[in-house]
Each structure stands twice: as structure tokens, then as C-alpha cells.
C-alpha atoms as a PDB file:
ATOM      1  CA  MET A   1      71.301  66.526  35.265  1.00  0.00           C
ATOM      2  CA  PRO A   2      70.555  70.116  34.284  1.00  0.00           C
ATOM      3  CA  CYS A   3      66.972  71.202  34.397  1.00  0.00           C
ATOM      4  CA  GLY A   4      65.486  71.287  31.024  1.00  0.00           C
ATOM      5  CA  SER A   5      67.918  68.905  29.434  1.00  0.00           C
ATOM      6  CA  PRO A   6      66.603  66.245  27.158  1.00  0.00           C
ATOM      7  CA  CYS A   7      66.805  63.734  29.909  1.00  0.00           C
ATOM      8  CA  SER A   8      64.831  65.887  32.310  1.00  0.00           C
ATOM      9  CA  PRO A   9      61.526  64.338  33.424  1.00  0.00           C
ATOM     10  CA  LEU A  10      59.869  67.756  32.994  1.00  0.00           C
ATOM     11  CA  TRP A  11      61.042  67.986  29.427  1.00  0.00           C
ATOM     12  CA  MET A  12      59.802  64.499  28.765  1.00  0.00           C
ATOM     13  CA  THR A  13      56.396  65.378  30.157  1.00  0.00           C
ATOM     14  CA  ARG A  14      56.045  68.549  28.085  1.00  0.00           C
ATOM     15  CA  SER A  15      57.322  66.805  24.990  1.00  0.00           C
ATOM     16  CA  ALA A  16      54.907  63.970  25.470  1.00  0.00           C
ATOM     17  CA  CYS A  17      52.007  66.388  25.992  1.00  0.00           C
ATOM     18  CA  LEU A  18      52.923  68.300  22.858  1.00  0.00           C
ATOM     19  CA  GLY A  19      53.073  65.110  20.876  1.00  0.00           C
ATOM     20  CA  LEU A  20      49.819  63.896  22.237  1.00  0.00           C
ATOM     21  CA  ALA A  21      48.250  67.271  21.490  1.00  0.00           C
ATOM     22  CA  LEU A  22      49.517  67.220  17.948  1.00  0.00           C
ATOM     23  CA  PHE A  23      48.148  63.717  17.627  1.00  0.00           C
ATOM     24  CA  PHE A  24      44.662  64.389  19.000  1.00  0.00           C
ATOM     25  CA  VAL A  25      43.955  67.883  17.588  1.00  0.00           C
ATOM     26  CA  PRO A  26      43.375  66.707  14.013  1.00  0.00           C
ATOM     27  CA  SER A  27      41.133  63.924  15.321  1.00  0.00           C
ATOM     28  CA  LEU A  28      39.129  66.368  17.398  1.00  0.00           C
ATOM     29  CA  VAL A  29      38.788  68.788  14.505  1.00  0.00           C
ATOM     30  CA  ALA A  30      37.598  65.971  12.274  1.00  0.00           C
ATOM     31  CA  ALA A  31      35.133  64.808  14.933  1.00  0.00           C
ATOM     32  CA  ASP A  32      33.785  68.340  15.362  1.00  0.00           C
ATOM     33  CA  ALA A  33      33.397  68.697  11.606  1.00  0.00           C
ATOM     34  CA  ALA A  34      31.534  65.384  11.434  1.00  0.00           C
ATOM     35  CA  ALA A  35      29.291  66.415  14.316  1.00  0.00           C
ATOM     36  CA  ALA A  36      28.630  69.766  12.656  1.00  0.00           C
ATOM     37  CA  GLN A  37      27.811  67.945   9.463  1.00  0.00           C
ATOM     38  CA  ARG A  38      25.364  65.778  11.335  1.00  0.00           C
ATOM     39  CA  ARG A  39      23.837  68.837  12.959  1.00  0.00           C
ATOM     40  CA  LYS A  40      23.428  70.635   9.625  1.00  0.00           C
ATOM     41  CA  PRO A  41      19.742  71.607   9.338  1.00  0.00           C
ATOM     42  CA  VAL A  42      17.756  69.637   6.791  1.00  0.00           C
ATOM     43  CA  ARG A  43      16.473  71.808   3.989  1.00  0.00           C
ATOM     44  CA  ARG A  44      12.710  71.376   3.969  1.00  0.00           C
ATOM     45  CA  GLN A  45      10.905  71.215   0.667  1.00  0.00           C
ATOM     46  CA  PRO A  46       8.103  73.770   0.399  1.00  0.00           C
ATOM     47  CA  PRO A  47       4.638  72.180   0.548  1.00  0.00           C
ATOM     48  CA  PRO A  48       3.026  71.635  -2.842  1.00  0.00           C
ATOM     49  CA  ALA A  49       0.786  74.403  -4.011  1.00  0.00           C
ATOM     50  CA  PRO A  50      -2.890  73.635  -3.390  1.00  0.00           C
ATOM     51  CA  VAL A  51      -4.776  72.382  -6.429  1.00  0.00           C
ATOM     52  CA  SER A  52      -7.846  74.431  -7.285  1.00  0.00           C
ATOM     53  CA  PRO A  53     -11.085  72.451  -7.284  1.00  0.00           C
ATOM     54  CA  MET A  54     -11.823  74.060 -10.655  1.00  0.00           C
ATOM     55  CA  VAL A  55      -8.913  72.285 -12.347  1.00  0.00           C
ATOM     56  CA  GLY A  56     -10.297  69.849 -14.901  1.00  0.00           C
ATOM     57  CA  LYS A  57     -13.639  71.657 -15.111  1.00  0.00           C
ATOM     58  CA  ASP A  58     -15.153  72.941 -18.339  1.00  0.00           C
ATOM     59  CA  VAL A  59     -14.053  76.510 -18.965  1.00  0.00           C
ATOM     60  CA  ARG A  60     -15.303  79.066 -21.489  1.00  0.00           C
ATOM     61  CA  ILE A  61     -13.007  81.952 -22.359  1.00  0.00           C
ATOM     62  CA  THR A  62     -14.264  84.900 -24.363  1.00  0.00           C
ATOM     63  CA  ARG A  63     -11.358  86.952 -25.646  1.00  0.00           C
ATOM     64  CA  LEU A  64     -11.441  90.704 -26.133  1.00  0.00           C
ATOM     65  CA  ASP A  65     -11.639  90.162 -29.887  1.00  0.00           C
ATOM     66  CA  GLY A  66     -14.889  88.203 -29.408  1.00  0.00           C
ATOM     67  CA  LEU A  67     -13.462  84.726 -30.038  1.00  0.00           C
ATOM     68  CA  GLU A  68     -14.903  82.117 -27.674  1.00  0.00           C
ATOM     69  CA  ILE A  69     -12.670  79.258 -26.528  1.00  0.00           C
ATOM     70  CA  VAL A  70     -13.823  76.146 -24.676  1.00  0.00           C
ATOM     71  CA  GLY A  71     -11.724  73.517 -22.954  1.00  0.00           C
ATOM     72  CA  LYS A  72     -10.689  71.983 -19.623  1.00  0.00           C
ATOM     73  CA  LEU A  73      -9.023  74.215 -17.055  1.00  0.00           C
ATOM     74  CA  VAL A  74      -5.383  73.355 -16.285  1.00  0.00           C
ATOM     75  CA  LYS A  75      -4.249  76.442 -14.371  1.00  0.00           C
ATOM     76  CA  LEU A  76      -5.429  79.943 -13.561  1.00  0.00           C
ATOM     77  CA  ASP A  77      -2.896  82.475 -12.271  1.00  0.00           C
ATOM     78  CA  LEU A  78      -1.674  86.015 -12.863  1.00  0.00           C
ATOM     79  CA  GLN A  79      -0.035  84.924 -16.098  1.00  0.00           C
ATOM     80  CA  GLY A  80      -3.267  83.779 -17.697  1.00  0.00           C
ATOM     81  CA  VAL A  81      -5.710  80.913 -18.187  1.00  0.00           C
ATOM     82  CA  THR A  82      -4.194  77.600 -19.211  1.00  0.00           C
ATOM     83  CA  TYR A  83      -6.555  75.029 -20.698  1.00  0.00           C
ATOM     84  CA  LEU A  84      -6.712  71.806 -22.688  1.00  0.00           C
ATOM     85  CA  ASN A  85      -8.534  72.055 -25.993  1.00  0.00           C
ATOM     86  CA  ALA A  86     -10.629  69.324 -27.600  1.00  0.00           C
ATOM     87  CA  GLY A  87      -7.516  67.855 -29.210  1.00  0.00           C
ATOM     88  CA  GLY A  88      -5.772  67.472 -25.856  1.00  0.00           C
ATOM     89  CA  GLU A  89      -3.319  70.309 -26.563  1.00  0.00           C
ATOM     90  CA  GLN A  90      -2.431  72.787 -23.814  1.00  0.00           C
ATOM     91  CA  ALA A  91      -2.627  76.518 -24.456  1.00  0.00           C
ATOM     92  CA  THR A  92      -2.702  79.737 -22.437  1.00  0.00           C
ATOM     93  CA  VAL A  93      -4.634  82.965 -22.905  1.00  0.00           C
ATOM     94  CA  ALA A  94      -3.063  85.972 -21.177  1.00  0.00           C
ATOM     95  CA  LEU A  95      -5.341  87.645 -18.627  1.00  0.00           C
ATOM     96  CA  GLU A  96      -5.155  90.989 -20.384  1.00  0.00           C
ATOM     97  CA  ASN A  97      -6.778  89.337 -23.428  1.00  0.00           C
ATOM     98  CA  VAL A  98      -9.673  87.762 -21.474  1.00  0.00           C
ATOM     99  CA  ALA A  99     -13.038  89.540 -21.624  1.00  0.00           C
ATOM    100  CA  VAL A 100     -15.211  86.893 -19.950  1.00  0.00           C
ATOM    101  CA  LEU A 101     -14.236  83.758 -18.052  1.00  0.00           C
ATOM    102  CA  ALA A 102     -16.969  81.255 -17.196  1.00  0.00           C
ATOM    103  CA  PHE A 103     -17.027  77.738 -15.854  1.00  0.00           C
ATOM    104  CA  GLY A 104     -19.476  75.019 -16.785  1.00  0.00           C
ATOM    105  CA  GLU A 105     -20.607  73.276 -19.923  1.00  0.00           C
ATOM    106  CA  PRO A 106     -20.555  75.443 -23.041  1.00  0.00           C
ATOM    107  CA  ILE A 107     -23.818  76.860 -24.256  1.00  0.00           C
ATOM    108  CA  LYS A 108     -25.255  74.631 -26.933  1.00  0.00           C
ATOM    109  CA  ARG A 109     -25.946  76.703 -29.980  1.00  0.00           C
ATOM    110  CA  ILE A 110     -29.194  76.312 -31.900  1.00  0.00           C
ATOM    111  CA  ASP A 111     -29.331  76.163 -35.658  1.00  0.00           C
ATOM    112  CA  ALA A 112     -31.031  79.273 -37.044  1.00  0.00           C
ATOM    113  CA  ARG A 113     -32.960  77.069 -39.477  1.00  0.00           C
ATOM    114  CA  PHE A 114     -34.477  75.206 -36.538  1.00  0.00           C
ATOM    115  CA  ILE A 115     -35.673  78.498 -35.049  1.00  0.00           C
ATOM    116  CA  ARG A 116     -37.159  79.590 -38.379  1.00  0.00           C
ATOM    117  CA  ASP A 117     -39.089  76.342 -38.865  1.00  0.00           C
ATOM    118  CA  ALA A 118     -40.190  76.221 -35.217  1.00  0.00           C
ATOM    119  CA  ARG A 119     -41.519  79.758 -35.505  1.00  0.00           C
ATOM    120  CA  GLN A 120     -43.601  78.798 -38.534  1.00  0.00           C
ATOM    121  CA  ALA A 121     -45.234  75.997 -36.530  1.00  0.00           C
ATOM    122  CA  VAL A 122     -45.822  78.217 -33.501  1.00  0.00           C
ATOM    123  CA  ASP A 123     -47.196  80.998 -35.705  1.00  0.00           C
ATOM    124  CA  ALA A 124     -49.737  78.539 -37.136  1.00  0.00           C
ATOM    125  CA  LEU A 125     -50.893  77.725 -33.604  1.00  0.00           C
ATOM    126  CA  SER A 126     -50.932  81.429 -32.752  1.00  0.00           C
ATOM    127  CA  ARG A 127     -53.349  82.073 -35.624  1.00  0.00           C
ATOM    128  CA  VAL A 128     -55.770  79.620 -34.024  1.00  0.00           C
ATOM    129  CA  ASN A 129     -55.381  81.439 -30.714  1.00  0.00           C
ATOM    130  CA  ALA A 130     -56.041  84.819 -32.359  1.00  0.00           C
ATOM    131  CA  LEU A 131     -59.143  83.428 -34.057  1.00  0.00           C
ATOM    132  CA  VAL A 132     -60.775  82.084 -30.887  1.00  0.00           C
ATOM    133  CA  ASN A 133     -60.291  85.450 -29.173  1.00  0.00           C
ATOM    134  CA  GLY A 134     -62.724  86.889 -31.702  1.00  0.00           C
ATOM    135  CA  ASN A 135     -66.054  85.484 -32.821  1.00  0.00           C
ATOM    136  CA  PRO A 136     -65.092  82.612 -35.150  1.00  0.00           C
ATOM    137  CA  THR A 137     -67.314  80.175 -36.976  1.00  0.00           C
ATOM    138  CA  PHE A 138     -66.813  76.449 -36.665  1.00  0.00           C
ATOM    139  CA  SER A 139     -65.668  76.300 -40.297  1.00  0.00           C
ATOM    140  CA  GLN A 140     -62.984  78.959 -39.724  1.00  0.00           C
ATOM    141  CA  TYR A 141     -61.761  77.161 -36.634  1.00  0.00           C
ATOM    142  CA  ASP A 142     -61.688  73.785 -38.348  1.00  0.00           C
ATOM    143  CA  GLY A 143     -59.645  75.182 -41.235  1.00  0.00           C
ATOM    144  CA  LEU A 144     -57.016  76.874 -39.040  1.00  0.00           C
ATOM    145  CA  VAL A 145     -56.616  73.823 -36.811  1.00  0.00           C
ATOM    146  CA  THR A 146     -56.022  71.696 -39.921  1.00  0.00           C
ATOM    147  CA  ASP A 147     -53.381  74.170 -41.148  1.00  0.00           C
ATOM    148  CA  ALA A 148     -51.725  74.167 -37.721  1.00  0.00           C
ATOM    149  CA  ARG A 149     -51.572  70.372 -37.706  1.00  0.00           C
ATOM    150  CA  VAL A 150     -49.781  70.335 -41.062  1.00  0.00           C
ATOM    151  CA  ALA A 151     -47.281  72.984 -39.908  1.00  0.00           C
ATOM    152  CA  VAL A 152     -46.563  71.266 -36.588  1.00  0.00           C
ATOM    153  CA  GLU A 153     -46.225  67.767 -38.012  1.00  0.00           C
ATOM    154  CA  THR A 154     -43.929  69.020 -40.778  1.00  0.00           C
ATOM    155  CA  PHE A 155     -41.722  70.719 -38.222  1.00  0.00           C
ATOM    156  CA  LEU A 156     -41.610  67.738 -35.848  1.00  0.00           C
ATOM    157  CA  ALA A 157     -40.848  65.277 -38.638  1.00  0.00           C
ATOM    158  CA  LYS A 158     -37.975  67.422 -39.878  1.00  0.00           C
ATOM    159  CA  TYR A 159     -36.313  67.679 -36.457  1.00  0.00           C
ATOM    160  CA  ASN A 160     -37.254  64.382 -34.823  1.00  0.00           C
ATOM    161  CA  ASP A 161     -33.550  63.661 -34.142  1.00  0.00           C
ATOM    162  CA  TYR A 162     -33.105  66.804 -32.012  1.00  0.00           C
ATOM    163  CA  GLN A 163     -33.014  64.960 -28.695  1.00  0.00           C
ATOM    164  CA  ASP A 164     -32.158  68.110 -26.732  1.00  0.00           C
ATOM    165  CA  GLN A 165     -35.493  69.713 -27.613  1.00  0.00           C
ATOM    166  CA  THR A 166     -37.911  66.968 -26.558  1.00  0.00           C
ATOM    167  CA  ASP A 167     -39.563  69.181 -23.907  1.00  0.00           C
ATOM    168  CA  PHE A 168     -40.217  71.891 -26.473  1.00  0.00           C
ATOM    169  CA  PHE A 169     -41.608  69.331 -28.914  1.00  0.00           C
ATOM    170  CA  ASP A 170     -43.922  67.889 -26.242  1.00  0.00           C
ATOM    171  CA  ASP A 171     -45.307  71.339 -25.450  1.00  0.00           C
ATOM    172  CA  VAL A 172     -45.938  72.102 -29.121  1.00  0.00           C
ATOM    173  CA  ARG A 173     -47.759  68.773 -29.495  1.00  0.00           C
ATOM    174  CA  ALA A 174     -49.822  69.465 -26.384  1.00  0.00           C
ATOM    175  CA  VAL A 175     -51.013  72.836 -27.735  1.00  0.00           C
ATOM    176  CA  LEU A 176     -52.018  71.278 -31.049  1.00  0.00           C
ATOM    177  CA  ARG A 177     -53.713  68.368 -29.274  1.00  0.00           C
ATOM    178  CA  SER A 178     -55.709  70.727 -27.086  1.00  0.00           C
ATOM    179  CA  TYR A 179     -56.996  72.751 -30.030  1.00  0.00           C
ATOM    180  CA  GLU A 180     -57.877  69.548 -31.850  1.00  0.00           C
ATOM    181  CA  LEU A 181     -59.853  68.179 -28.893  1.00  0.00           C
ATOM    182  CA  ALA A 182     -62.024  71.292 -28.843  1.00  0.00           C
ATOM    183  CA  ARG A 183     -63.082  70.662 -32.450  1.00  0.00           C
ATOM    184  CA  PRO A 184     -65.325  67.562 -31.887  1.00  0.00           C
ATOM    185  CA  LEU A 185     -66.648  69.228 -28.758  1.00  0.00           C
ATOM    186  CA  TRP A 186     -67.726  72.236 -30.795  1.00  0.00           C
ATOM    187  CA  ALA A 187     -69.131  69.988 -33.513  1.00  0.00           C
ATOM    188  CA  THR A 188     -71.758  68.678 -31.057  1.00  0.00           C
ATOM    189  CA  MET A 189     -73.267  72.156 -31.024  1.00  0.00           C
ATOM    190  CA  GLN A 190     -73.776  72.170 -34.793  1.00  0.00           C
ATOM    191  CA  GLY A 191     -76.854  70.992 -36.680  1.00  0.00           C
ATOM    192  CA  ALA A 192     -80.379  70.259 -35.573  1.00  0.00           C
ATOM    193  CA  ASP A 193     -79.470  67.922 -32.695  1.00  0.00           C
ATOM    194  CA  ARG A 194     -77.042  70.362 -31.076  1.00  0.00           C
ATOM    195  CA  ARG A 195     -76.123  69.499 -27.509  1.00  0.00           C
ATOM    196  CA  ILE A 196     -75.649  72.337 -25.081  1.00  0.00           C
ATOM    197  CA  SER A 197     -74.210  70.059 -22.385  1.00  0.00           C
ATOM    198  CA  LEU A 198     -72.340  66.766 -22.193  1.00  0.00           C
ATOM    199  CA  THR A 199     -71.842  64.101 -19.551  1.00  0.00           C
ATOM    200  CA  GLU A 200     -68.406  63.028 -18.364  1.00  0.00           C
ATOM    201  CA  SER A 201     -68.690  59.781 -20.293  1.00  0.00           C
ATOM    202  CA  ALA A 202     -69.400  61.483 -23.620  1.00  0.00           C
ATOM    203  CA  PRO A 203     -66.663  60.523 -26.122  1.00  0.00           C
ATOM    204  CA  GLU A 204     -66.171  64.168 -27.051  1.00  0.00           C
ATOM    205  CA  LEU A 205     -65.696  65.253 -23.415  1.00  0.00           C
ATOM    206  CA  ALA A 206     -63.799  62.309 -21.891  1.00  0.00           C
ATOM    207  CA  PRO A 207     -60.411  63.145 -23.516  1.00  0.00           C
ATOM    208  CA  ILE A 208     -60.798  66.777 -22.420  1.00  0.00           C
ATOM    209  CA  LEU A 209     -61.203  65.671 -18.801  1.00  0.00           C
ATOM    210  CA  ARG A 210     -58.151  63.454 -19.083  1.00  0.00           C
ATOM    211  CA  LEU A 211     -56.099  66.379 -20.391  1.00  0.00           C
ATOM    212  CA  TYR A 212     -57.578  68.870 -17.906  1.00  0.00           C
ATOM    213  CA  PRO A 213     -58.681  66.933 -14.811  1.00  0.00           C
ATOM    214  CA  ASP A 214     -58.996  70.209 -12.866  1.00  0.00           C
ATOM    215  CA  LEU A 215     -62.103  70.923 -14.938  1.00  0.00           C
ATOM    216  CA  ARG A 216     -64.039  68.604 -12.610  1.00  0.00           C
ATOM    217  CA  ALA A 217     -63.434  70.984  -9.704  1.00  0.00           C
ATOM    218  CA  THR A 218     -64.855  74.030 -11.504  1.00  0.00           C
ATOM    219  CA  GLU A 219     -68.393  75.385 -11.376  1.00  0.00           C
ATOM    220  CA  TYR A 220     -68.875  73.949 -14.854  1.00  0.00           C
ATOM    221  CA  ASN A 221     -69.320  70.493 -13.318  1.00  0.00           C
ATOM    222  CA  GLN A 222     -73.087  70.353 -12.768  1.00  0.00           C
ATOM    223  CA  ASN A 223     -73.567  66.944 -11.199  1.00  0.00           C
ATOM    224  CA  GLY A 224     -71.531  65.252 -13.909  1.00  0.00           C
ATOM    225  CA  ARG A 225     -72.796  67.373 -16.773  1.00  0.00           C
ATOM    226  CA  TYR A 226     -70.844  70.198 -18.357  1.00  0.00           C
ATOM    227  CA  PRO A 227     -72.097  73.117 -20.511  1.00  0.00           C
ATOM    228  CA  THR A 228     -70.443  72.624 -23.886  1.00  0.00           C
ATOM    229  CA  ASP A 229     -69.694  76.265 -24.651  1.00  0.00           C
ATOM    230  CA  LYS A 230     -68.149  76.827 -21.203  1.00  0.00           C
ATOM    231  CA  VAL A 231     -65.900  73.801 -21.587  1.00  0.00           C
ATOM    232  CA  ILE A 232     -64.730  74.999 -25.009  1.00  0.00           C
ATOM    233  CA  ALA A 233     -63.896  78.427 -23.565  1.00  0.00           C
ATOM    234  CA  TYR A 234     -62.035  76.743 -20.687  1.00  0.00           C
ATOM    235  CA  VAL A 235     -59.990  74.645 -23.125  1.00  0.00           C
ATOM    236  CA  TRP A 236     -59.137  77.645 -25.269  1.00  0.00           C
ATOM    237  CA  ASN A 237     -58.059  79.659 -22.230  1.00  0.00           C
ATOM    238  CA  ARG A 238     -55.793  76.897 -20.900  1.00  0.00           C
ATOM    239  CA  THR A 239     -54.365  76.266 -24.370  1.00  0.00           C
ATOM    240  CA  GLY A 240     -53.616  79.957 -24.808  1.00  0.00           C
ATOM    241  CA  GLN A 241     -51.651  79.921 -21.556  1.00  0.00           C
ATOM    242  CA  ARG A 242     -49.579  76.989 -22.704  1.00  0.00           C
ATOM    243  CA  LEU A 243     -49.018  78.583 -26.102  1.00  0.00           C
ATOM    244  CA  ARG A 244     -47.542  81.654 -24.382  1.00  0.00           C
ATOM    245  CA  GLN A 245     -45.105  79.353 -22.585  1.00  0.00           C
ATOM    246  CA  VAL A 246     -44.163  77.766 -25.912  1.00  0.00           C
ATOM    247  CA  ARG A 247     -43.488  81.182 -27.434  1.00  0.00           C
ATOM    248  CA  ALA A 248     -41.309  82.092 -24.443  1.00  0.00           C
ATOM    249  CA  GLN A 249     -39.373  78.842 -24.901  1.00  0.00           C
ATOM    250  CA  LEU A 250     -38.886  79.633 -28.565  1.00  0.00           C
ATOM    251  CA  ASP A 251     -37.613  83.133 -27.785  1.00  0.00           C
ATOM    252  CA  GLN A 252     -35.098  81.629 -25.359  1.00  0.00           C
ATOM    253  CA  LEU A 253     -33.917  79.160 -27.967  1.00  0.00           C
ATOM    254  CA  ALA A 254     -33.652  81.954 -30.530  1.00  0.00           C
ATOM    255  CA  SER A 255     -31.242  83.802 -28.214  1.00  0.00           C
ATOM    256  CA  LYS A 256     -28.840  80.839 -28.601  1.00  0.00           C
ATOM    257  CA  ALA A 257     -29.148  80.608 -32.368  1.00  0.00           C
ATOM    258  CA  THR A 258     -26.004  80.737 -34.494  1.00  0.00           C
END
């Protein structure tokens, strides 16, 4: 049989190999494609952006035109300040329009009428303070303390529902109370039976010692007796100090007035 004829064993071998190759190549290509598909790198999602601890906090935005905006912070980035207003609506102020950005509770504004009426009460107490720094008579002092009581009680009654100002109210009451306590003390020095000193148990002195217990540690305590005029001067001095604090409080409140 001639070499290379169809009946040749060599031809049969090559033909079989070619057939087998044609049979397996597509399978191998498919297998490689599947393996490549399996080896395809997984696309990783970028980590979520960190959430600022200020998100959800109270924010106050003062725009360049002077308008003040308050709300809850949603987002702060280069685009602007995004916030939730009181109605739950989301809005953004561009950074170029922001003059001041502050976090925290909004400043509580004070009614200008409150400041005006408070100043009238404090001025009435200040007139008592100015009087005692001179050389007043008991009658002058008694009259100004009565006027101060009317002014203070009128003011407190008008604004008794201002719960945010209870500390201020307490200080105003304390100043009035202190001036009032000096009045019966001074009255003991009037008339024919004037007393130049009082014991701790005296009804005129006992409330003074409760209000100013440090008085016991002063040189005015002479074995349980106290010179009346020195105690009055002590009370006026301490009351004047507290009145200055009240005026400073009022000035601070006035800076927040609308």
C-alpha cells in the first residue's frame, strides 16, 4: 500500500489526531474562558464616607446679608452647608454666602420690653444704693426702699412666667430683701430708747445673720453683740456688691435683646 494513502496507518494516526484536536480545542477555549471569568477580579465598593460627629447638631448660619438661619446640620462640604429647618425641610446655603457658621443651641433672644421694665426695677434699687453712699436720713431711706419694693414687685409680677430668668429674678429679690432688712435695724437707733448695739437673738438682727452668716466672723461680733451702725454699713456694702452683679446681668441680657 503506498505511503500516505488513505489506508496508511500513518495517515490514520494524523487524521485521528487532527480530528481529536478539532474536537478538544473548542472545549479547551471554553474552559479557559470560564476559568478567566472565575479569575476576574471582584470590583470592590469604596468604603462609605465617614459621617461627621456634627451631623444632627444644632447649627446657626449667618449669611452675608445678615439673615440668621437655624436648623440641624445634614452635611458640610465645599458646596455649602446643608441643614434641616424647623419644618423638616432640607436646604443648602452656598459657602460663599456664609458669613458666620456656629454650632450649638441658638441664642435665645430677650424681649426689649423685658429689658426696659427690668431696668426700671434695677434703677429703683440703684437709687437706694446712691442714697446710702451719702448721708441719708432714716425717712429718706425708708421712702426709697418703699419705692424700690413697688418697682421690683411690679416687674416680677409682670414676668413671673419667664422661667429662663429665675436666677436674675432671685438676685433682684435678694437685693431688695437686703435693703429692707436694714430698715428695722436702723429704726432701733431712732427715738429716745435708741440702741447702739444688738445681740444675735434680737429680732432685728437675727434675719441679717441668716442672710450674711459671715458677719459672725468679723470684728463686729463683740461676744455676741454687734454695733448697730457697723452692721448697717456692712449690709449696705454687701448689698451694693450684689447690685453691681445684677446690673452686669442686666447688661448681658440687654445685649441679646431683639
